[in-house]
Amino acid sequence: DNAKNTVVLQMNNLKPEDTGLYFCKAWRL
């Protein structure tokens, strides 16, 4: 959502192996 400067991760059908600490990353060059 560029207007809100937000990135969304929709996660469906989650599995036990999806467990973890989730980090957002941004980069420029």
mmCIF file of all heavy atoms, coordinates in Angstrom:
data_MODEL
# 
_entry.id   MODEL 
# 
loop_
_atom_site.group_PDB 
_atom_site.id 
_atom_site.type_symbol 
_atom_site.label_atom_id 
_atom_site.label_alt_id 
_atom_site.label_comp_id 
_atom_site.label_asym_id 
_atom_site.label_entity_id 
_atom_site.label_seq_id 
_atom_site.pdbx_PDB_ins_code 
_atom_site.Cartn_x 
_atom_site.Cartn_y 
_atom_site.Cartn_z 
_atom_site.occupancy 
_atom_site.B_iso_or_equiv 
_atom_site.pdbx_formal_charge 
_atom_site.auth_seq_id 
_atom_site.auth_comp_id 
_atom_site.auth_asym_id 
_atom_site.auth_atom_id 
_atom_site.pdbx_PDB_model_num 
ATOM 1   N N   . ASP A 1 1  ? 0.871  -1.171  0.000  1.00 0.00 ? 1  ASP A N   1 
ATOM 2   C CA  . ASP A 1 1  ? 0.000  0.000   0.000  1.00 0.00 ? 1  ASP A CA  1 
ATOM 3   C C   . ASP A 1 1  ? 0.909  1.223   0.000  1.00 0.00 ? 1  ASP A C   1 
ATOM 4   O O   . ASP A 1 1  ? 1.420  1.630   1.037  1.00 0.00 ? 1  ASP A O   1 
ATOM 5   C CB  . ASP A 1 1  ? -0.908 -0.016  1.241  1.00 0.00 ? 1  ASP A CB  1 
ATOM 6   C CG  . ASP A 1 1  ? -1.923 1.117   1.236  1.00 0.00 ? 1  ASP A CG  1 
ATOM 7   O OD1 . ASP A 1 1  ? -1.663 2.152   0.591  1.00 0.00 ? 1  ASP A OD1 1 
ATOM 8   O OD2 . ASP A 1 1  ? -2.949 0.974   1.884  1.00 0.00 ? 1  ASP A OD2 1 
ATOM 9   N N   . ASN A 1 2  ? 1.129  1.776   -1.180 1.00 0.00 ? 2  ASN A N   1 
ATOM 10  C CA  . ASN A 1 2  ? 2.072  2.892   -1.294 1.00 0.00 ? 2  ASN A CA  1 
ATOM 11  C C   . ASN A 1 2  ? 1.609  4.119   -0.520 1.00 0.00 ? 2  ASN A C   1 
ATOM 12  O O   . ASN A 1 2  ? 2.421  4.859   0.045  1.00 0.00 ? 2  ASN A O   1 
ATOM 13  C CB  . ASN A 1 2  ? 2.288  3.248   -2.756 1.00 0.00 ? 2  ASN A CB  1 
ATOM 14  C CG  . ASN A 1 2  ? 3.069  2.188   -3.501 1.00 0.00 ? 2  ASN A CG  1 
ATOM 15  O OD1 . ASN A 1 2  ? 3.901  1.486   -2.909 1.00 0.00 ? 2  ASN A OD1 1 
ATOM 16  N ND2 . ASN A 1 2  ? 2.793  2.037   -4.776 1.00 0.00 ? 2  ASN A ND2 1 
ATOM 17  N N   . ALA A 1 3  ? 0.304  4.332   -0.487 1.00 0.00 ? 3  ALA A N   1 
ATOM 18  C CA  . ALA A 1 3  ? -0.211 5.515   0.204  1.00 0.00 ? 3  ALA A CA  1 
ATOM 19  C C   . ALA A 1 3  ? 0.085  5.452   1.701  1.00 0.00 ? 3  ALA A C   1 
ATOM 20  O O   . ALA A 1 3  ? 0.281  6.482   2.353  1.00 0.00 ? 3  ALA A O   1 
ATOM 21  C CB  . ALA A 1 3  ? -1.704 5.653   -0.039 1.00 0.00 ? 3  ALA A CB  1 
ATOM 22  N N   . LYS A 1 4  ? 0.110  4.238   2.246  1.00 0.00 ? 4  LYS A N   1 
ATOM 23  C CA  . LYS A 1 4  ? 0.356  4.068   3.674  1.00 0.00 ? 4  LYS A CA  1 
ATOM 24  C C   . LYS A 1 4  ? 1.774  3.631   3.966  1.00 0.00 ? 4  LYS A C   1 
ATOM 25  O O   . LYS A 1 4  ? 2.123  3.383   5.120  1.00 0.00 ? 4  LYS A O   1 
ATOM 26  C CB  . LYS A 1 4  ? -0.623 3.043   4.251  1.00 0.00 ? 4  LYS A CB  1 
ATOM 27  C CG  . LYS A 1 4  ? -2.086 3.463   4.161  1.00 0.00 ? 4  LYS A CG  1 
ATOM 28  C CD  . LYS A 1 4  ? -2.995 2.409   4.781  1.00 0.00 ? 4  LYS A CD  1 
ATOM 29  C CE  . LYS A 1 4  ? -4.445 2.831   4.726  1.00 0.00 ? 4  LYS A CE  1 
ATOM 30  N NZ  . LYS A 1 4  ? -5.350 1.805   5.317  1.00 0.00 ? 4  LYS A NZ  1 
ATOM 31  N N   . ASN A 1 5  ? 2.601  3.508   2.916  1.00 0.00 ? 5  ASN A N   1 
ATOM 32  C CA  . ASN A 1 5  ? 3.984  3.045   3.087  1.00 0.00 ? 5  ASN A CA  1 
ATOM 33  C C   . ASN A 1 5  ? 4.030  1.745   3.883  1.00 0.00 ? 5  ASN A C   1 
ATOM 34  O O   . ASN A 1 5  ? 4.822  1.599   4.826  1.00 0.00 ? 5  ASN A O   1 
ATOM 35  C CB  . ASN A 1 5  ? 4.834  4.120   3.779  1.00 0.00 ? 5  ASN A CB  1 
ATOM 36  C CG  . ASN A 1 5  ? 4.910  5.390   2.964  1.00 0.00 ? 5  ASN A CG  1 
ATOM 37  O OD1 . ASN A 1 5  ? 5.031  5.340   1.748  1.00 0.00 ? 5  ASN A OD1 1 
ATOM 38  N ND2 . ASN A 1 5  ? 4.817  6.524   3.625  1.00 0.00 ? 5  ASN A ND2 1 
ATOM 39  N N   . THR A 1 6  ? 3.167  0.825   3.514  1.00 0.00 ? 6  THR A N   1 
ATOM 40  C CA  . THR A 1 6  ? 3.017  -0.429  4.249  1.00 0.00 ? 6  THR A CA  1 
ATOM 41  C C   . THR A 1 6  ? 3.099  -1.615  3.297  1.00 0.00 ? 6  THR A C   1 
ATOM 42  O O   . THR A 1 6  ? 2.604  -1.556  2.173  1.00 0.00 ? 6  THR A O   1 
ATOM 43  C CB  . THR A 1 6  ? 1.661  -0.448  4.976  1.00 0.00 ? 6  THR A CB  1 
ATOM 44  O OG1 . THR A 1 6  ? 1.616  0.620   5.919  1.00 0.00 ? 6  THR A OG1 1 
ATOM 45  C CG2 . THR A 1 6  ? 1.449  -1.754  5.714  1.00 0.00 ? 6  THR A CG2 1 
ATOM 46  N N   . VAL A 1 7  ? 3.736  -2.670  3.778  1.00 0.00 ? 7  VAL A N   1 
ATOM 47  C CA  . VAL A 1 7  ? 3.757  -3.933  3.058  1.00 0.00 ? 7  VAL A CA  1 
ATOM 48  C C   . VAL A 1 7  ? 3.072  -4.981  3.932  1.00 0.00 ? 7  VAL A C   1 
ATOM 49  O O   . VAL A 1 7  ? 3.322  -5.050  5.142  1.00 0.00 ? 7  VAL A O   1 
ATOM 50  C CB  . VAL A 1 7  ? 5.197  -4.372  2.736  1.00 0.00 ? 7  VAL A CB  1 
ATOM 51  C CG1 . VAL A 1 7  ? 5.217  -5.793  2.202  1.00 0.00 ? 7  VAL A CG1 1 
ATOM 52  C CG2 . VAL A 1 7  ? 5.805  -3.449  1.709  1.00 0.00 ? 7  VAL A CG2 1 
ATOM 53  N N   . VAL A 1 8  ? 2.207  -5.767  3.314  1.00 0.00 ? 8  VAL A N   1 
ATOM 54  C CA  . VAL A 1 8  ? 1.408  -6.747  4.047  1.00 0.00 ? 8  VAL A CA  1 
ATOM 55  C C   . VAL A 1 8  ? 1.767  -8.157  3.573  1.00 0.00 ? 8  VAL A C   1 
ATOM 56  O O   . VAL A 1 8  ? 1.950  -8.390  2.378  1.00 0.00 ? 8  VAL A O   1 
ATOM 57  C CB  . VAL A 1 8  ? -0.090 -6.490  3.821  1.00 0.00 ? 8  VAL A CB  1 
ATOM 58  C CG1 . VAL A 1 8  ? -0.929 -7.611  4.401  1.00 0.00 ? 8  VAL A CG1 1 
ATOM 59  C CG2 . VAL A 1 8  ? -0.490 -5.150  4.441  1.00 0.00 ? 8  VAL A CG2 1 
ATOM 60  N N   . LEU A 1 9  ? 1.869  -9.059  4.515  1.00 0.00 ? 9  LEU A N   1 
ATOM 61  C CA  . LEU A 1 9  ? 2.078  -10.483 4.219  1.00 0.00 ? 9  LEU A CA  1 
ATOM 62  C C   . LEU A 1 9  ? 0.846  -11.237 4.703  1.00 0.00 ? 9  LEU A C   1 
ATOM 63  O O   . LEU A 1 9  ? 0.611  -11.354 5.905  1.00 0.00 ? 9  LEU A O   1 
ATOM 64  C CB  . LEU A 1 9  ? 3.329  -11.009 4.913  1.00 0.00 ? 9  LEU A CB  1 
ATOM 65  C CG  . LEU A 1 9  ? 3.627  -12.492 4.690  1.00 0.00 ? 9  LEU A CG  1 
ATOM 66  C CD1 . LEU A 1 9  ? 3.994  -12.756 3.230  1.00 0.00 ? 9  LEU A CD1 1 
ATOM 67  C CD2 . LEU A 1 9  ? 4.758  -12.963 5.600  1.00 0.00 ? 9  LEU A CD2 1 
ATOM 68  N N   . GLN A 1 10 ? 0.051  -11.715 3.766  1.00 0.00 ? 10 GLN A N   1 
ATOM 69  C CA  . GLN A 1 10 ? -1.111 -12.528 4.091  1.00 0.00 ? 10 GLN A CA  1 
ATOM 70  C C   . GLN A 1 10 ? -0.694 -13.994 4.080  1.00 0.00 ? 10 GLN A C   1 
ATOM 71  O O   . GLN A 1 10 ? -0.209 -14.488 3.056  1.00 0.00 ? 10 GLN A O   1 
ATOM 72  C CB  . GLN A 1 10 ? -2.233 -12.292 3.083  1.00 0.00 ? 10 GLN A CB  1 
ATOM 73  C CG  . GLN A 1 10 ? -3.467 -13.150 3.311  1.00 0.00 ? 10 GLN A CG  1 
ATOM 74  C CD  . GLN A 1 10 ? -4.185 -12.809 4.607  1.00 0.00 ? 10 GLN A CD  1 
ATOM 75  O OE1 . GLN A 1 10 ? -4.354 -11.635 4.938  1.00 0.00 ? 10 GLN A OE1 1 
ATOM 76  N NE2 . GLN A 1 10 ? -4.603 -13.829 5.343  1.00 0.00 ? 10 GLN A NE2 1 
ATOM 77  N N   . MET A 1 11 ? -0.876 -14.665 5.208  1.00 0.00 ? 11 MET A N   1 
ATOM 78  C CA  . MET A 1 11 ? -0.436 -16.048 5.347  1.00 0.00 ? 11 MET A CA  1 
ATOM 79  C C   . MET A 1 11 ? -1.647 -16.937 5.581  1.00 0.00 ? 11 MET A C   1 
ATOM 80  O O   . MET A 1 11 ? -2.364 -16.766 6.579  1.00 0.00 ? 11 MET A O   1 
ATOM 81  C CB  . MET A 1 11 ? 0.543  -16.172 6.521  1.00 0.00 ? 11 MET A CB  1 
ATOM 82  C CG  . MET A 1 11 ? 1.737  -15.242 6.411  1.00 0.00 ? 11 MET A CG  1 
ATOM 83  S SD  . MET A 1 11 ? 2.965  -15.502 7.709  1.00 0.00 ? 11 MET A SD  1 
ATOM 84  C CE  . MET A 1 11 ? 2.038  -14.983 9.143  1.00 0.00 ? 11 MET A CE  1 
ATOM 85  N N   . ASN A 1 12 ? -1.881 -17.853 4.656  1.00 0.00 ? 12 ASN A N   1 
ATOM 86  C CA  . ASN A 1 12 ? -3.012 -18.774 4.754  1.00 0.00 ? 12 ASN A CA  1 
ATOM 87  C C   . ASN A 1 12 ? -2.513 -20.205 4.876  1.00 0.00 ? 12 ASN A C   1 
ATOM 88  O O   . ASN A 1 12 ? -1.368 -20.512 4.527  1.00 0.00 ? 12 ASN A O   1 
ATOM 89  C CB  . ASN A 1 12 ? -3.896 -18.642 3.523  1.00 0.00 ? 12 ASN A CB  1 
ATOM 90  C CG  . ASN A 1 12 ? -4.512 -17.263 3.387  1.00 0.00 ? 12 ASN A CG  1 
ATOM 91  O OD1 . ASN A 1 12 ? -4.829 -16.599 4.371  1.00 0.00 ? 12 ASN A OD1 1 
ATOM 92  N ND2 . ASN A 1 12 ? -4.689 -16.825 2.144  1.00 0.00 ? 12 ASN A ND2 1 
ATOM 93  N N   . ASN A 1 13 ? -3.383 -21.079 5.350  1.00 0.00 ? 13 ASN A N   1 
ATOM 94  C CA  . ASN A 1 13 ? -3.055 -22.490 5.493  1.00 0.00 ? 13 ASN A CA  1 
ATOM 95  C C   . ASN A 1 13 ? -1.711 -22.672 6.213  1.00 0.00 ? 13 ASN A C   1 
ATOM 96  O O   . ASN A 1 13 ? -0.821 -23.385 5.734  1.00 0.00 ? 13 ASN A O   1 
ATOM 97  C CB  . ASN A 1 13 ? -3.023 -23.173 4.130  1.00 0.00 ? 13 ASN A CB  1 
ATOM 98  C CG  . ASN A 1 13 ? -2.915 -24.685 4.233  1.00 0.00 ? 13 ASN A CG  1 
ATOM 99  O OD1 . ASN A 1 13 ? -3.265 -25.280 5.251  1.00 0.00 ? 13 ASN A OD1 1 
ATOM 100 N ND2 . ASN A 1 13 ? -2.421 -25.314 3.178  1.00 0.00 ? 13 ASN A ND2 1 
ATOM 101 N N   . LEU A 1 14 ? -1.595 -22.031 7.341  1.00 0.00 ? 14 LEU A N   1 
ATOM 102 C CA  . LEU A 1 14 ? -0.333 -22.061 8.076  1.00 0.00 ? 14 LEU A CA  1 
ATOM 103 C C   . LEU A 1 14 ? -0.018 -23.449 8.603  1.00 0.00 ? 14 LEU A C   1 
ATOM 104 O O   . LEU A 1 14 ? -0.914 -24.221 8.972  1.00 0.00 ? 14 LEU A O   1 
ATOM 105 C CB  . LEU A 1 14 ? -0.378 -21.054 9.224  1.00 0.00 ? 14 LEU A CB  1 
ATOM 106 C CG  . LEU A 1 14 ? -0.171 -19.600 8.786  1.00 0.00 ? 14 LEU A CG  1 
ATOM 107 C CD1 . LEU A 1 14 ? -0.716 -18.635 9.814  1.00 0.00 ? 14 LEU A CD1 1 
ATOM 108 C CD2 . LEU A 1 14 ? 1.307  -19.335 8.533  1.00 0.00 ? 14 LEU A CD2 1 
ATOM 109 N N   . LYS A 1 15 ? 1.274  -23.757 8.629  1.00 0.00 ? 15 LYS A N   1 
ATOM 110 C CA  . LYS A 1 15 ? 1.775  -25.048 9.079  1.00 0.00 ? 15 LYS A CA  1 
ATOM 111 C C   . LYS A 1 15 ? 2.705  -24.843 10.274 1.00 0.00 ? 15 LYS A C   1 
ATOM 112 O O   . LYS A 1 15 ? 3.278  -23.759 10.425 1.00 0.00 ? 15 LYS A O   1 
ATOM 113 C CB  . LYS A 1 15 ? 2.526  -25.732 7.945  1.00 0.00 ? 15 LYS A CB  1 
ATOM 114 C CG  . LYS A 1 15 ? 1.720  -25.909 6.669  1.00 0.00 ? 15 LYS A CG  1 
ATOM 115 C CD  . LYS A 1 15 ? 2.568  -26.516 5.562  1.00 0.00 ? 15 LYS A CD  1 
ATOM 116 C CE  . LYS A 1 15 ? 1.758  -26.683 4.286  1.00 0.00 ? 15 LYS A CE  1 
ATOM 117 N NZ  . LYS A 1 15 ? 2.566  -27.277 3.189  1.00 0.00 ? 15 LYS A NZ  1 
ATOM 118 N N   . PRO A 1 16 ? 2.882  -25.875 11.094 1.00 0.00 ? 16 PRO A N   1 
ATOM 119 C CA  . PRO A 1 16 ? 3.799  -25.734 12.228 1.00 0.00 ? 16 PRO A CA  1 
ATOM 120 C C   . PRO A 1 16 ? 5.202  -25.276 11.816 1.00 0.00 ? 16 PRO A C   1 
ATOM 121 O O   . PRO A 1 16 ? 5.848  -24.529 12.553 1.00 0.00 ? 16 PRO A O   1 
ATOM 122 C CB  . PRO A 1 16 ? 3.817  -27.136 12.832 1.00 0.00 ? 16 PRO A CB  1 
ATOM 123 C CG  . PRO A 1 16 ? 2.469  -27.688 12.503 1.00 0.00 ? 16 PRO A CG  1 
ATOM 124 C CD  . PRO A 1 16 ? 2.155  -27.156 11.135 1.00 0.00 ? 16 PRO A CD  1 
ATOM 125 N N   . GLU A 1 17 ? 5.645  -25.703 10.645 1.00 0.00 ? 17 GLU A N   1 
ATOM 126 C CA  . GLU A 1 17 ? 6.977  -25.298 10.186 1.00 0.00 ? 17 GLU A CA  1 
ATOM 127 C C   . GLU A 1 17 ? 7.059  -23.835 9.773  1.00 0.00 ? 17 GLU A C   1 
ATOM 128 O O   . GLU A 1 17 ? 8.141  -23.339 9.470  1.00 0.00 ? 17 GLU A O   1 
ATOM 129 C CB  . GLU A 1 17 ? 7.440  -26.185 9.021  1.00 0.00 ? 17 GLU A CB  1 
ATOM 130 C CG  . GLU A 1 17 ? 6.458  -26.308 7.884  1.00 0.00 ? 17 GLU A CG  1 
ATOM 131 C CD  . GLU A 1 17 ? 5.607  -27.562 7.991  1.00 0.00 ? 17 GLU A CD  1 
ATOM 132 O OE1 . GLU A 1 17 ? 5.164  -27.889 9.119  1.00 0.00 ? 17 GLU A OE1 1 
ATOM 133 O OE2 . GLU A 1 17 ? 5.370  -28.198 6.946  1.00 0.00 ? 17 GLU A OE2 1 
ATOM 134 N N   . ASP A 1 18 ? 5.937  -23.128 9.770  1.00 0.00 ? 18 ASP A N   1 
ATOM 135 C CA  . ASP A 1 18 ? 5.958  -21.686 9.515  1.00 0.00 ? 18 ASP A CA  1 
ATOM 136 C C   . ASP A 1 18 ? 6.266  -20.895 10.786 1.00 0.00 ? 18 ASP A C   1 
ATOM 137 O O   . ASP A 1 18 ? 6.422  -19.674 10.737 1.00 0.00 ? 18 ASP A O   1 
ATOM 138 C CB  . ASP A 1 18 ? 4.608  -21.218 8.963  1.00 0.00 ? 18 ASP A CB  1 
ATOM 139 C CG  . ASP A 1 18 ? 4.297  -21.782 7.596  1.00 0.00 ? 18 ASP A CG  1 
ATOM 140 O OD1 . ASP A 1 18 ? 5.222  -21.825 6.755  1.00 0.00 ? 18 ASP A OD1 1 
ATOM 141 O OD2 . ASP A 1 18 ? 3.140  -22.187 7.365  1.00 0.00 ? 18 ASP A OD2 1 
ATOM 142 N N   . THR A 1 19 ? 6.352  -21.578 11.897 1.00 0.00 ? 19 THR A N   1 
ATOM 143 C CA  . THR A 1 19 ? 6.654  -20.910 13.164 1.00 0.00 ? 19 THR A CA  1 
ATOM 144 C C   . THR A 1 19 ? 8.012  -20.245 13.125 1.00 0.00 ? 19 THR A C   1 
ATOM 145 O O   . THR A 1 19 ? 8.988  -20.821 12.632 1.00 0.00 ? 19 THR A O   1 
ATOM 146 C CB  . THR A 1 19 ? 6.621  -21.931 14.323 1.00 0.00 ? 19 THR A CB  1 
ATOM 147 O OG1 . THR A 1 19 ? 5.282  -22.401 14.487 1.00 0.00 ? 19 THR A OG1 1 
ATOM 148 C CG2 . THR A 1 19 ? 7.103  -21.312 15.620 1.00 0.00 ? 19 THR A CG2 1 
ATOM 149 N N   . GLY A 1 20 ? 8.084  -19.011 13.629 1.00 0.00 ? 20 GLY A N   1 
ATOM 150 C CA  . GLY A 1 20 ? 9.353  -18.299 13.676 1.00 0.00 ? 20 GLY A CA  1 
ATOM 151 C C   . GLY A 1 20 ? 9.150  -16.821 13.936 1.00 0.00 ? 20 GLY A C   1 
ATOM 152 O O   . GLY A 1 20 ? 8.016  -16.345 14.069 1.00 0.00 ? 20 GLY A O   1 
ATOM 153 N N   . LEU A 1 21 ? 10.272 -16.138 13.989 1.00 0.00 ? 21 LEU A N   1 
ATOM 154 C CA  . LEU A 1 21 ? 10.259 -14.687 14.131 1.00 0.00 ? 21 LEU A CA  1 
ATOM 155 C C   . LEU A 1 21 ? 10.323 -14.085 12.727 1.00 0.00 ? 21 LEU A C   1 
ATOM 156 O O   . LEU A 1 21 ? 11.259 -14.376 11.983 1.00 0.00 ? 21 LEU A O   1 
ATOM 157 C CB  . LEU A 1 21 ? 11.449 -14.235 14.975 1.00 0.00 ? 21 LEU A CB  1 
ATOM 158 C CG  . LEU A 1 21 ? 11.473 -12.790 15.447 1.00 0.00 ? 21 LEU A CG  1 
ATOM 159 C CD1 . LEU A 1 21 ? 10.240 -12.470 16.287 1.00 0.00 ? 21 LEU A CD1 1 
ATOM 160 C CD2 . LEU A 1 21 ? 12.742 -12.534 16.241 1.00 0.00 ? 21 LEU A CD2 1 
ATOM 161 N N   . TYR A 1 22 ? 9.329  -13.300 12.387 1.00 0.00 ? 22 TYR A N   1 
ATOM 162 C CA  . TYR A 1 22 ? 9.208  -12.751 11.041 1.00 0.00 ? 22 TYR A CA  1 
ATOM 163 C C   . TYR A 1 22 ? 9.703  -11.313 11.033 1.00 0.00 ? 22 TYR A C   1 
ATOM 164 O O   . TYR A 1 22 ? 9.239  -10.473 11.817 1.00 0.00 ? 22 TYR A O   1 
ATOM 165 C CB  . TYR A 1 22 ? 7.758  -12.818 10.564 1.00 0.00 ? 22 TYR A CB  1 
ATOM 166 C CG  . TYR A 1 22 ? 7.356  -14.191 10.098 1.00 0.00 ? 22 TYR A CG  1 
ATOM 167 C CD1 . TYR A 1 22 ? 7.294  -15.262 10.978 1.00 0.00 ? 22 TYR A CD1 1 
ATOM 168 C CD2 . TYR A 1 22 ? 7.065  -14.435 8.757  1.00 0.00 ? 22 TYR A CD2 1 
ATOM 169 C CE1 . TYR A 1 22 ? 6.953  -16.531 10.559 1.00 0.00 ? 22 TYR A CE1 1 
ATOM 170 C CE2 . TYR A 1 22 ? 6.707  -15.710 8.316  1.00 0.00 ? 22 TYR A CE2 1 
ATOM 171 C CZ  . TYR A 1 22 ? 6.655  -16.744 9.229  1.00 0.00 ? 22 TYR A CZ  1 
ATOM 172 O OH  . TYR A 1 22 ? 6.309  -18.004 8.795  1.00 0.00 ? 22 TYR A OH  1 
ATOM 173 N N   . PHE A 1 23 ? 10.628 -11.049 10.117 1.00 0.00 ? 23 PHE A N   1 
ATOM 174 C CA  . PHE A 1 23 ? 11.256 -9.737  9.999  1.00 0.00 ? 23 PHE A CA  1 
ATOM 175 C C   . PHE A 1 23 ? 10.877 -9.076  8.683  1.00 0.00 ? 23 PHE A C   1 
ATOM 176 O O   . PHE A 1 23 ? 10.857 -9.729  7.638  1.00 0.00 ? 23 PHE A O   1 
ATOM 177 C CB  . PHE A 1 23 ? 12.780 -9.857  10.036 1.00 0.00 ? 23 PHE A CB  1 
ATOM 178 C CG  . PHE A 1 23 ? 13.337 -10.385 11.326 1.00 0.00 ? 23 PHE A CG  1 
ATOM 179 C CD1 . PHE A 1 23 ? 13.545 -11.739 11.496 1.00 0.00 ? 23 PHE A CD1 1 
ATOM 180 C CD2 . PHE A 1 23 ? 13.676 -9.518  12.350 1.00 0.00 ? 23 PHE A CD2 1 
ATOM 181 C CE1 . PHE A 1 23 ? 14.060 -12.239 12.674 1.00 0.00 ? 23 PHE A CE1 1 
ATOM 182 C CE2 . PHE A 1 23 ? 14.204 -10.000 13.536 1.00 0.00 ? 23 PHE A CE2 1 
ATOM 183 C CZ  . PHE A 1 23 ? 14.393 -11.364 13.704 1.00 0.00 ? 23 PHE A CZ  1 
ATOM 184 N N   . CYS A 1 24 ? 10.644 -7.792  8.745  1.00 0.00 ? 24 CYS A N   1 
ATOM 185 C CA  . CYS A 1 24 ? 10.462 -6.982  7.549  1.00 0.00 ? 24 CYS A CA  1 
ATOM 186 C C   . CYS A 1 24 ? 11.805 -6.408  7.139  1.00 0.00 ? 24 CYS A C   1 
ATOM 187 O O   . CYS A 1 24 ? 12.611 -6.000  7.996  1.00 0.00 ? 24 CYS A O   1 
ATOM 188 C CB  . CYS A 1 24 ? 9.475  -5.858  7.842  1.00 0.00 ? 24 CYS A CB  1 
ATOM 189 S SG  . CYS A 1 24 ? 9.131  -4.764  6.450  1.00 0.00 ? 24 CYS A SG  1 
ATOM 190 N N   . LYS A 1 25 ? 12.052 -6.379  5.846  1.00 0.00 ? 25 LYS A N   1 
ATOM 191 C CA  . LYS A 1 25 ? 13.295 -5.828  5.308  1.00 0.00 ? 25 LYS A CA  1 
ATOM 192 C C   . LYS A 1 25 ? 12.976 -4.862  4.183  1.00 0.00 ? 25 LYS A C   1 
ATOM 193 O O   . LYS A 1 25 ? 12.059 -5.089  3.391  1.00 0.00 ? 25 LYS A O   1 
ATOM 194 C CB  . LYS A 1 25 ? 14.185 -6.952  4.776  1.00 0.00 ? 25 LYS A CB  1 
ATOM 195 C CG  . LYS A 1 25 ? 15.471 -6.482  4.117  1.00 0.00 ? 25 LYS A CG  1 
ATOM 196 C CD  . LYS A 1 25 ? 16.229 -7.653  3.504  1.00 0.00 ? 25 LYS A CD  1 
ATOM 197 C CE  . LYS A 1 25 ? 17.476 -7.197  2.777  1.00 0.00 ? 25 LYS A CE  1 
ATOM 198 N NZ  . LYS A 1 25 ? 18.192 -8.333  2.137  1.00 0.00 ? 25 LYS A NZ  1 
ATOM 199 N N   . ALA A 1 26 ? 13.730 -3.776  4.134  1.00 0.00 ? 26 ALA A N   1 
ATOM 200 C CA  . ALA A 1 26 ? 13.653 -2.843  3.005  1.00 0.00 ? 26 ALA A CA  1 
ATOM 201 C C   . ALA A 1 26 ? 15.073 -2.585  2.521  1.00 0.00 ? 26 ALA A C   1 
ATOM 202 O O   . ALA A 1 26 ? 16.018 -2.669  3.300  1.00 0.00 ? 26 ALA A O   1 
ATOM 203 C CB  . ALA A 1 26 ? 12.978 -1.539  3.415  1.00 0.00 ? 26 ALA A CB  1 
ATOM 204 N N   . TRP A 1 27 ? 15.206 -2.282  1.249  1.00 0.00 ? 27 TRP A N   1 
ATOM 205 C CA  . TRP A 1 27 ? 16.568 -2.027  0.753  1.00 0.00 ? 27 TRP A CA  1 
ATOM 206 C C   . TRP A 1 27 ? 16.566 -0.981  -0.354 1.00 0.00 ? 27 TRP A C   1 
ATOM 207 O O   . TRP A 1 27 ? 15.572 -0.765  -1.051 1.00 0.00 ? 27 TRP A O   1 
ATOM 208 C CB  . TRP A 1 27 ? 17.240 -3.317  0.276  1.00 0.00 ? 27 TRP A CB  1 
ATOM 209 C CG  . TRP A 1 27 ? 16.605 -3.946  -0.919 1.00 0.00 ? 27 TRP A CG  1 
ATOM 210 C CD1 . TRP A 1 27 ? 16.932 -3.742  -2.228 1.00 0.00 ? 27 TRP A CD1 1 
ATOM 211 C CD2 . TRP A 1 27 ? 15.536 -4.886  -0.919 1.00 0.00 ? 27 TRP A CD2 1 
ATOM 212 N NE1 . TRP A 1 27 ? 16.126 -4.498  -3.033 1.00 0.00 ? 27 TRP A NE1 1 
ATOM 213 C CE2 . TRP A 1 27 ? 15.265 -5.213  -2.264 1.00 0.00 ? 27 TRP A CE2 1 
ATOM 214 C CE3 . TRP A 1 27 ? 14.774 -5.483  0.086  1.00 0.00 ? 27 TRP A CE3 1 
ATOM 215 C CZ2 . TRP A 1 27 ? 14.259 -6.114  -2.613 1.00 0.00 ? 27 TRP A CZ2 1 
ATOM 216 C CZ3 . TRP A 1 27 ? 13.788 -6.380  -0.258 1.00 0.00 ? 27 TRP A CZ3 1 
ATOM 217 C CH2 . TRP A 1 27 ? 13.525 -6.690  -1.595 1.00 0.00 ? 27 TRP A CH2 1 
ATOM 218 N N   . ARG A 1 28 ? 17.696 -0.312  -0.434 1.00 0.00 ? 28 ARG A N   1 
ATOM 219 C CA  . ARG A 1 28 ? 17.964 0.658   -1.493 1.00 0.00 ? 28 ARG A CA  1 
ATOM 220 C C   . ARG A 1 28 ? 19.410 0.444   -1.897 1.00 0.00 ? 28 ARG A C   1 
ATOM 221 O O   . ARG A 1 28 ? 20.317 0.646   -1.096 1.00 0.00 ? 28 ARG A O   1 
ATOM 222 C CB  . ARG A 1 28 ? 17.746 2.079   -1.000 1.00 0.00 ? 28 ARG A CB  1 
ATOM 223 C CG  . ARG A 1 28 ? 18.032 3.149   -2.055 1.00 0.00 ? 28 ARG A CG  1 
ATOM 224 C CD  . ARG A 1 28 ? 17.975 4.547   -1.466 1.00 0.00 ? 28 ARG A CD  1 
ATOM 225 N NE  . ARG A 1 28 ? 16.683 4.861   -0.916 1.00 0.00 ? 28 ARG A NE  1 
ATOM 226 C CZ  . ARG A 1 28 ? 16.466 5.131   0.370  1.00 0.00 ? 28 ARG A CZ  1 
ATOM 227 N NH1 . ARG A 1 28 ? 17.455 5.104   1.240  1.00 0.00 ? 28 ARG A NH1 1 
ATOM 228 N NH2 . ARG A 1 28 ? 15.245 5.446   0.792  1.00 0.00 ? 28 ARG A NH2 1 
ATOM 229 N N   . LEU A 1 29 ? 19.619 0.003   -3.127 1.00 0.00 ? 29 LEU A N   1 
ATOM 230 C CA  . LEU A 1 29 ? 20.945 -0.375  -3.633 1.00 0.00 ? 29 LEU A CA  1 
ATOM 231 C C   . LEU A 1 29 ? 21.516 -1.439  -2.692 1.00 0.00 ? 29 LEU A C   1 
ATOM 232 O O   . LEU A 1 29 ? 20.920 -2.485  -2.512 1.00 0.00 ? 29 LEU A O   1 
ATOM 233 C CB  . LEU A 1 29 ? 21.822 0.862   -3.749 1.00 0.00 ? 29 LEU A CB  1 
ATOM 234 C CG  . LEU A 1 29 ? 21.337 1.938   -4.737 1.00 0.00 ? 29 LEU A CG  1 
ATOM 235 C CD1 . LEU A 1 29 ? 22.250 3.142   -4.728 1.00 0.00 ? 29 LEU A CD1 1 
ATOM 236 C CD2 . LEU A 1 29 ? 21.232 1.352   -6.140 1.00 0.00 ? 29 LEU A CD2 1 
# 
